[in-house]
Amino acid sequence: MSHPAIAQELVERRERDLSVRQQLIDEGKLFGGYNPEMEKIHLENARRLQEIIDQIGWPTHERVGEEGSQAAWLIVQHAISLSSFMKDCLALIIEQGKAGTIDPVNVAFLSDRIALYENRPQSYGTQFTDDEQGKLVCYELDAPVNEVNERRRKLGLNTIEERLAELTFQRGTEPKKQPTAVEKQLEKDEYDSWRRKVGWLSE
């Protein structure tokens, strides 16, 4: 590890992100739109990570250690208001993935997340969303499920079906109030408006 201080900072920033996220979940404030407090932390972390990238390049295992590199990836994964930044970082980690200096799973998750926000099919089945009935489902795929599961297997991931079962279990079994058709449309309109505002959608 050649930059221990940066590694420590990245890990601390990740932990603050996750801590605030859990606090907002416990208070029932995280969902129903992008929470401003959460967005503020995501933006601060992303801007600092950009400074780090300008200084040392992408934080690889060799530069900041395994934990520091994973923390940098999470910061990018959460920087959803900065579409250009996320896409620039994807290009960087794709190159690092080719060189074997970054976990290829990180490439899969980030590329799928970008695809979701841009209304494109995902390649690795890492992103899940709610269907019309409020049931958790895998977001659209760019290939048949068996092909995507084979890609996942090569990365050491379980199948889409197994992951869906895990996520559904994590949600718990308590019944939740389902939004009306009007509420769903308003939520979608707000989501699309936000995506256009931050650059995910061009139209």
C-alpha atoms as a PDB file:
ATOM      1  CA  MET A   1       0.000   0.000   0.000  1.00  0.00           C
ATOM      2  CA  SER A   2       1.604   3.271  -1.078  1.00  0.00           C
ATOM      3  CA  HIS A   3      -1.018   5.728   0.247  1.00  0.00           C
ATOM      4  CA  PRO A   4      -2.132   4.602   3.734  1.00  0.00           C
ATOM      5  CA  ALA A   5      -3.562   8.004   4.732  1.00  0.00           C
ATOM      6  CA  ILE A   6      -5.779   8.113   1.634  1.00  0.00           C
ATOM      7  CA  ALA A   7      -6.813   4.515   2.262  1.00  0.00           C
ATOM      8  CA  GLN A   8      -7.901   5.381   5.790  1.00  0.00           C
ATOM      9  CA  GLU A   9      -9.821   8.427   4.597  1.00  0.00           C
ATOM     10  CA  LEU A  10     -11.684   6.419   1.941  1.00  0.00           C
ATOM     11  CA  VAL A  11     -12.696   3.796   4.492  1.00  0.00           C
ATOM     12  CA  GLU A  12     -13.839   6.472   6.959  1.00  0.00           C
ATOM     13  CA  ARG A  13     -15.921   8.158   4.266  1.00  0.00           C
ATOM     14  CA  ARG A  14     -17.534   4.842   3.343  1.00  0.00           C
ATOM     15  CA  GLU A  15     -18.348   4.110   6.985  1.00  0.00           C
ATOM     16  CA  ARG A  16     -19.958   7.529   7.451  1.00  0.00           C
ATOM     17  CA  ASP A  17     -22.047   6.945   4.313  1.00  0.00           C
ATOM     18  CA  LEU A  18     -23.268   3.581   5.587  1.00  0.00           C
ATOM     19  CA  SER A  19     -23.841   4.878   9.109  1.00  0.00           C
ATOM     20  CA  VAL A  20     -26.021   7.774   7.970  1.00  0.00           C
ATOM     21  CA  ARG A  21     -27.855   5.445   5.585  1.00  0.00           C
ATOM     22  CA  GLN A  22     -28.713   3.077   8.429  1.00  0.00           C
ATOM     23  CA  GLN A  23     -29.798   5.967  10.627  1.00  0.00           C
ATOM     24  CA  LEU A  24     -32.151   7.243   7.919  1.00  0.00           C
ATOM     25  CA  ILE A  25     -33.551   3.736   7.439  1.00  0.00           C
ATOM     26  CA  ASP A  26     -34.202   3.457  11.184  1.00  0.00           C
ATOM     27  CA  GLU A  27     -35.978   6.833  11.113  1.00  0.00           C
ATOM     28  CA  GLY A  28     -38.005   5.878   8.032  1.00  0.00           C
ATOM     29  CA  LYS A  29     -36.507   8.753   6.026  1.00  0.00           C
ATOM     30  CA  LEU A  30     -34.373   7.031   3.399  1.00  0.00           C
ATOM     31  CA  PHE A  31     -36.974   5.977   0.873  1.00  0.00           C
ATOM     32  CA  GLY A  32     -39.619   7.914  -1.056  1.00  0.00           C
ATOM     33  CA  GLY A  33     -37.158  10.042  -2.994  1.00  0.00           C
ATOM     34  CA  TYR A  34     -33.465  10.873  -2.696  1.00  0.00           C
ATOM     35  CA  ASN A  35     -32.943  12.049   0.879  1.00  0.00           C
ATOM     36  CA  PRO A  36     -31.107  15.437   0.865  1.00  0.00           C
ATOM     37  CA  GLU A  37     -28.875  14.482   3.803  1.00  0.00           C
ATOM     38  CA  MET A  38     -27.839  11.285   2.046  1.00  0.00           C
ATOM     39  CA  GLU A  39     -27.233  13.094  -1.233  1.00  0.00           C
ATOM     40  CA  LYS A  40     -25.055  15.683   0.551  1.00  0.00           C
ATOM     41  CA  ILE A  41     -22.737  12.955   1.848  1.00  0.00           C
ATOM     42  CA  HIS A  42     -22.642  11.216  -1.531  1.00  0.00           C
ATOM     43  CA  LEU A  43     -21.666  14.459  -3.257  1.00  0.00           C
ATOM     44  CA  GLU A  44     -18.999  15.327  -0.674  1.00  0.00           C
ATOM     45  CA  ASN A  45     -17.473  11.862  -0.956  1.00  0.00           C
ATOM     46  CA  ALA A  46     -17.515  11.924  -4.750  1.00  0.00           C
ATOM     47  CA  ARG A  47     -15.851  15.326  -4.960  1.00  0.00           C
ATOM     48  CA  ARG A  48     -13.118  14.228  -2.583  1.00  0.00           C
ATOM     49  CA  LEU A  49     -12.635  10.982  -4.519  1.00  0.00           C
ATOM     50  CA  GLN A  50     -12.207  12.999  -7.722  1.00  0.00           C
ATOM     51  CA  GLU A  51      -9.411  14.945  -6.012  1.00  0.00           C
ATOM     52  CA  ILE A  52      -7.802  11.660  -4.984  1.00  0.00           C
ATOM     53  CA  ILE A  53      -8.066  10.291  -8.524  1.00  0.00           C
ATOM     54  CA  ASP A  54      -6.449  13.476  -9.863  1.00  0.00           C
ATOM     55  CA  GLN A  55      -3.635  12.944  -7.356  1.00  0.00           C
ATOM     56  CA  ILE A  56      -2.904   9.184  -7.541  1.00  0.00           C
ATOM     57  CA  GLY A  57      -5.146   7.768 -10.270  1.00  0.00           C
ATOM     58  CA  TRP A  58      -7.799   5.180  -9.514  1.00  0.00           C
ATOM     59  CA  PRO A  59      -7.370   3.835  -5.932  1.00  0.00           C
ATOM     60  CA  THR A  60      -6.281   0.282  -6.767  1.00  0.00           C
ATOM     61  CA  HIS A  61      -5.396  -2.490  -4.334  1.00  0.00           C
ATOM     62  CA  GLU A  62      -1.713  -1.645  -4.731  1.00  0.00           C
ATOM     63  CA  ARG A  63      -2.236   2.040  -3.966  1.00  0.00           C
ATOM     64  CA  VAL A  64      -4.731   1.959  -1.084  1.00  0.00           C
ATOM     65  CA  GLY A  65      -5.166  -1.699  -0.152  1.00  0.00           C
ATOM     66  CA  GLU A  66      -8.180  -3.937  -0.657  1.00  0.00           C
ATOM     67  CA  GLU A  67     -10.457  -2.152   1.799  1.00  0.00           C
ATOM     68  CA  GLY A  68      -9.552   1.299   0.521  1.00  0.00           C
ATOM     69  CA  SER A  69     -10.171   0.247  -3.080  1.00  0.00           C
ATOM     70  CA  GLN A  70     -13.553  -1.243  -2.179  1.00  0.00           C
ATOM     71  CA  ALA A  71     -14.446   1.953  -0.320  1.00  0.00           C
ATOM     72  CA  ALA A  72     -13.629   4.031  -3.412  1.00  0.00           C
ATOM     73  CA  TRP A  73     -15.892   1.826  -5.502  1.00  0.00           C
ATOM     74  CA  LEU A  74     -18.793   2.240  -3.050  1.00  0.00           C
ATOM     75  CA  ILE A  75     -18.384   6.017  -3.145  1.00  0.00           C
ATOM     76  CA  VAL A  76     -18.737   5.935  -6.941  1.00  0.00           C
ATOM     77  CA  GLN A  77     -21.658   3.498  -6.767  1.00  0.00           C
ATOM     78  CA  HIS A  78     -23.512   5.960  -4.546  1.00  0.00           C
ATOM     79  CA  ALA A  79     -22.686   9.127  -6.542  1.00  0.00           C
ATOM     80  CA  ILE A  80     -25.939   8.867  -8.486  1.00  0.00           C
ATOM     81  CA  SER A  81     -26.387  12.630  -8.894  1.00  0.00           C
ATOM     82  CA  LEU A  82     -23.118  12.824 -10.836  1.00  0.00           C
ATOM     83  CA  SER A  83     -23.732  10.865 -14.015  1.00  0.00           C
ATOM     84  CA  SER A  84     -20.562  11.999 -15.808  1.00  0.00           C
ATOM     85  CA  PHE A  85     -18.413  11.211 -12.786  1.00  0.00           C
ATOM     86  CA  MET A  86     -19.845   7.692 -12.502  1.00  0.00           C
ATOM     87  CA  LYS A  87     -19.305   7.015 -16.214  1.00  0.00           C
ATOM     88  CA  ASP A  88     -15.753   8.398 -16.096  1.00  0.00           C
ATOM     89  CA  CYS A  89     -14.987   6.159 -13.119  1.00  0.00           C
ATOM     90  CA  LEU A  90     -16.447   3.150 -14.922  1.00  0.00           C
ATOM     91  CA  ALA A  91     -14.011   3.736 -17.784  1.00  0.00           C
ATOM     92  CA  LEU A  92     -11.164   3.897 -15.258  1.00  0.00           C
ATOM     93  CA  ILE A  93     -12.083   0.700 -13.449  1.00  0.00           C
ATOM     94  CA  ILE A  94     -12.671  -1.178 -16.704  1.00  0.00           C
ATOM     95  CA  GLU A  95      -9.031  -0.461 -17.544  1.00  0.00           C
ATOM     96  CA  GLN A  96      -7.958  -1.529 -14.067  1.00  0.00           C
ATOM     97  CA  GLY A  97     -10.058  -4.673 -14.437  1.00  0.00           C
ATOM     98  CA  LYS A  98      -8.166  -5.583 -17.597  1.00  0.00           C
ATOM     99  CA  ALA A  99      -4.920  -5.158 -15.711  1.00  0.00           C
ATOM    100  CA  GLY A 100      -6.162  -7.288 -12.826  1.00  0.00           C
ATOM    101  CA  THR A 101      -5.767  -4.476 -10.291  1.00  0.00           C
ATOM    102  CA  ILE A 102      -9.439  -4.239  -9.279  1.00  0.00           C
ATOM    103  CA  ASP A 103     -12.195  -6.663  -8.364  1.00  0.00           C
ATOM    104  CA  PRO A 104     -14.144  -7.407 -11.616  1.00  0.00           C
ATOM    105  CA  VAL A 105     -17.329  -7.629  -9.547  1.00  0.00           C
ATOM    106  CA  ASN A 106     -17.022  -3.865  -9.034  1.00  0.00           C
ATOM    107  CA  VAL A 107     -17.063  -3.342 -12.799  1.00  0.00           C
ATOM    108  CA  ALA A 108     -20.193  -5.489 -13.095  1.00  0.00           C
ATOM    109  CA  PHE A 109     -22.120  -3.634 -10.388  1.00  0.00           C
ATOM    110  CA  LEU A 110     -21.185  -0.156 -11.601  1.00  0.00           C
ATOM    111  CA  SER A 111     -21.909  -0.883 -15.264  1.00  0.00           C
ATOM    112  CA  ASP A 112     -25.302  -2.367 -14.350  1.00  0.00           C
ATOM    113  CA  ARG A 113     -26.169   0.592 -12.136  1.00  0.00           C
ATOM    114  CA  ILE A 114     -25.387   3.046 -14.919  1.00  0.00           C
ATOM    115  CA  ALA A 115     -27.457   0.972 -17.357  1.00  0.00           C
ATOM    116  CA  LEU A 116     -30.430   1.104 -14.987  1.00  0.00           C
ATOM    117  CA  TYR A 117     -30.331   4.897 -14.701  1.00  0.00           C
ATOM    118  CA  GLU A 118     -29.988   5.240 -18.481  1.00  0.00           C
ATOM    119  CA  ASN A 119     -32.909   2.875 -19.213  1.00  0.00           C
ATOM    120  CA  ARG A 120     -30.609   0.281 -20.795  1.00  0.00           C
ATOM    121  CA  PRO A 121     -30.624  -3.472 -20.123  1.00  0.00           C
ATOM    122  CA  GLN A 122     -28.019  -4.644 -17.600  1.00  0.00           C
ATOM    123  CA  SER A 123     -25.397  -7.318 -18.262  1.00  0.00           C
ATOM    124  CA  TYR A 124     -24.859  -8.962 -14.884  1.00  0.00           C
ATOM    125  CA  GLY A 125     -28.219  -8.884 -13.120  1.00  0.00           C
ATOM    126  CA  THR A 126     -26.976  -6.945 -10.103  1.00  0.00           C
ATOM    127  CA  GLN A 127     -29.790  -4.367 -10.076  1.00  0.00           C
ATOM    128  CA  PHE A 128     -33.289  -5.102  -8.773  1.00  0.00           C
ATOM    129  CA  THR A 129     -36.410  -2.980  -8.787  1.00  0.00           C
ATOM    130  CA  ASP A 130     -40.114  -3.152  -7.922  1.00  0.00           C
ATOM    131  CA  ASP A 131     -42.694  -4.289 -10.450  1.00  0.00           C
ATOM    132  CA  GLU A 132     -46.201  -2.826 -10.800  1.00  0.00           C
ATOM    133  CA  GLN A 133     -47.385  -4.821  -7.786  1.00  0.00           C
ATOM    134  CA  GLY A 134     -44.519  -3.681  -5.604  1.00  0.00           C
ATOM    135  CA  LYS A 135     -42.752  -7.049  -5.842  1.00  0.00           C
ATOM    136  CA  LEU A 136     -38.981  -7.101  -6.091  1.00  0.00           C
ATOM    137  CA  VAL A 137     -37.759  -8.274  -9.514  1.00  0.00           C
ATOM    138  CA  CYS A 138     -34.500  -8.294 -11.455  1.00  0.00           C
ATOM    139  CA  TYR A 139     -34.133  -5.255 -13.691  1.00  0.00           C
ATOM    140  CA  GLU A 140     -34.143  -5.879 -17.462  1.00  0.00           C
ATOM    141  CA  LEU A 141     -31.310  -8.064 -18.805  1.00  0.00           C
ATOM    142  CA  ASP A 142     -29.415  -7.823 -22.101  1.00  0.00           C
ATOM    143  CA  ALA A 143     -29.361 -11.614 -22.542  1.00  0.00           C
ATOM    144  CA  PRO A 144     -31.307 -14.720 -21.427  1.00  0.00           C
ATOM    145  CA  VAL A 145     -31.155 -15.458 -17.700  1.00  0.00           C
ATOM    146  CA  ASN A 146     -28.982 -18.547 -18.152  1.00  0.00           C
ATOM    147  CA  GLU A 147     -26.368 -16.522 -20.048  1.00  0.00           C
ATOM    148  CA  VAL A 148     -26.339 -13.783 -17.412  1.00  0.00           C
ATOM    149  CA  ASN A 149     -26.085 -16.388 -14.651  1.00  0.00           C
ATOM    150  CA  GLU A 150     -23.031 -17.813 -16.417  1.00  0.00           C
ATOM    151  CA  ARG A 151     -21.433 -14.348 -16.422  1.00  0.00           C
ATOM    152  CA  ARG A 152     -22.219 -14.105 -12.714  1.00  0.00           C
ATOM    153  CA  ARG A 153     -20.738 -17.536 -12.034  1.00  0.00           C
ATOM    154  CA  LYS A 154     -17.455 -16.489 -13.650  1.00  0.00           C
ATOM    155  CA  LEU A 155     -17.318 -13.547 -11.227  1.00  0.00           C
ATOM    156  CA  GLY A 156     -18.066 -15.723  -8.223  1.00  0.00           C
ATOM    157  CA  LEU A 157     -21.623 -14.409  -7.811  1.00  0.00           C
ATOM    158  CA  ASN A 158     -24.631 -16.584  -7.084  1.00  0.00           C
ATOM    159  CA  THR A 159     -27.513 -16.870  -9.553  1.00  0.00           C
ATOM    160  CA  ILE A 160     -30.070 -14.126 -10.114  1.00  0.00           C
ATOM    161  CA  GLU A 161     -32.713 -16.390  -8.598  1.00  0.00           C
ATOM    162  CA  GLU A 162     -30.644 -16.934  -5.460  1.00  0.00           C
ATOM    163  CA  ARG A 163     -29.853 -13.250  -5.127  1.00  0.00           C
ATOM    164  CA  LEU A 164     -33.498 -12.305  -5.570  1.00  0.00           C
ATOM    165  CA  ALA A 165     -34.460 -14.737  -2.801  1.00  0.00           C
ATOM    166  CA  GLU A 166     -31.833 -13.170  -0.499  1.00  0.00           C
ATOM    167  CA  LEU A 167     -33.006  -9.627  -1.167  1.00  0.00           C
ATOM    168  CA  THR A 168     -36.666 -10.552  -0.774  1.00  0.00           C
ATOM    169  CA  PHE A 169     -35.889 -12.155   2.576  1.00  0.00           C
ATOM    170  CA  GLN A 170     -33.970  -9.063   3.684  1.00  0.00           C
ATOM    171  CA  ARG A 171     -37.020  -6.940   3.035  1.00  0.00           C
ATOM    172  CA  GLY A 172     -38.881  -8.919   5.640  1.00  0.00           C
ATOM    173  CA  THR A 173     -42.364 -10.345   5.563  1.00  0.00           C
ATOM    174  CA  GLU A 174     -44.276  -7.393   7.009  1.00  0.00           C
ATOM    175  CA  PRO A 175     -46.997  -6.098   4.671  1.00  0.00           C
ATOM    176  CA  LYS A 176     -46.349  -2.652   3.267  1.00  0.00           C
ATOM    177  CA  LYS A 177     -48.772  -0.060   2.024  1.00  0.00           C
ATOM    178  CA  GLN A 178     -48.936  -0.282  -1.769  1.00  0.00           C
ATOM    179  CA  PRO A 179     -49.116   3.035  -3.650  1.00  0.00           C
ATOM    180  CA  THR A 180     -52.113   3.806  -5.809  1.00  0.00           C
ATOM    181  CA  ALA A 181     -51.814   4.047  -9.603  1.00  0.00           C
ATOM    182  CA  VAL A 182     -51.732   7.850  -9.326  1.00  0.00           C
ATOM    183  CA  GLU A 183     -49.006   7.726  -6.670  1.00  0.00           C
ATOM    184  CA  LYS A 184     -46.964   5.357  -8.839  1.00  0.00           C
ATOM    185  CA  GLN A 185     -47.203   7.685 -11.824  1.00  0.00           C
ATOM    186  CA  LEU A 186     -46.237  10.709  -9.735  1.00  0.00           C
ATOM    187  CA  GLU A 187     -43.256   8.796  -8.366  1.00  0.00           C
ATOM    188  CA  LYS A 188     -42.172   7.753 -11.871  1.00  0.00           C
ATOM    189  CA  ASP A 189     -42.561  11.303 -13.195  1.00  0.00           C
ATOM    190  CA  GLU A 190     -40.445  12.638 -10.324  1.00  0.00           C
ATOM    191  CA  TYR A 191     -37.793   9.937 -10.890  1.00  0.00           C
ATOM    192  CA  ASP A 192     -37.599  10.661 -14.633  1.00  0.00           C
ATOM    193  CA  SER A 193     -37.421  14.395 -13.980  1.00  0.00           C
ATOM    194  CA  TRP A 194     -34.523  13.841 -11.575  1.00  0.00           C
ATOM    195  CA  ARG A 195     -32.701  11.624 -14.095  1.00  0.00           C
ATOM    196  CA  ARG A 196     -33.008  14.313 -16.784  1.00  0.00           C
ATOM    197  CA  LYS A 197     -31.807  16.974 -14.332  1.00  0.00           C
ATOM    198  CA  VAL A 198     -28.605  15.101 -13.396  1.00  0.00           C
ATOM    199  CA  GLY A 199     -27.839  13.912 -16.913  1.00  0.00           C
ATOM    200  CA  TRP A 200     -28.946  10.277 -17.035  1.00  0.00           C
ATOM    201  CA  LEU A 201     -31.651  10.958 -19.613  1.00  0.00           C
ATOM    202  CA  SER A 202     -31.228  13.344 -22.516  1.00  0.00           C
ATOM    203  CA  GLU A 203     -34.840  13.758 -23.571  1.00  0.00           C
END
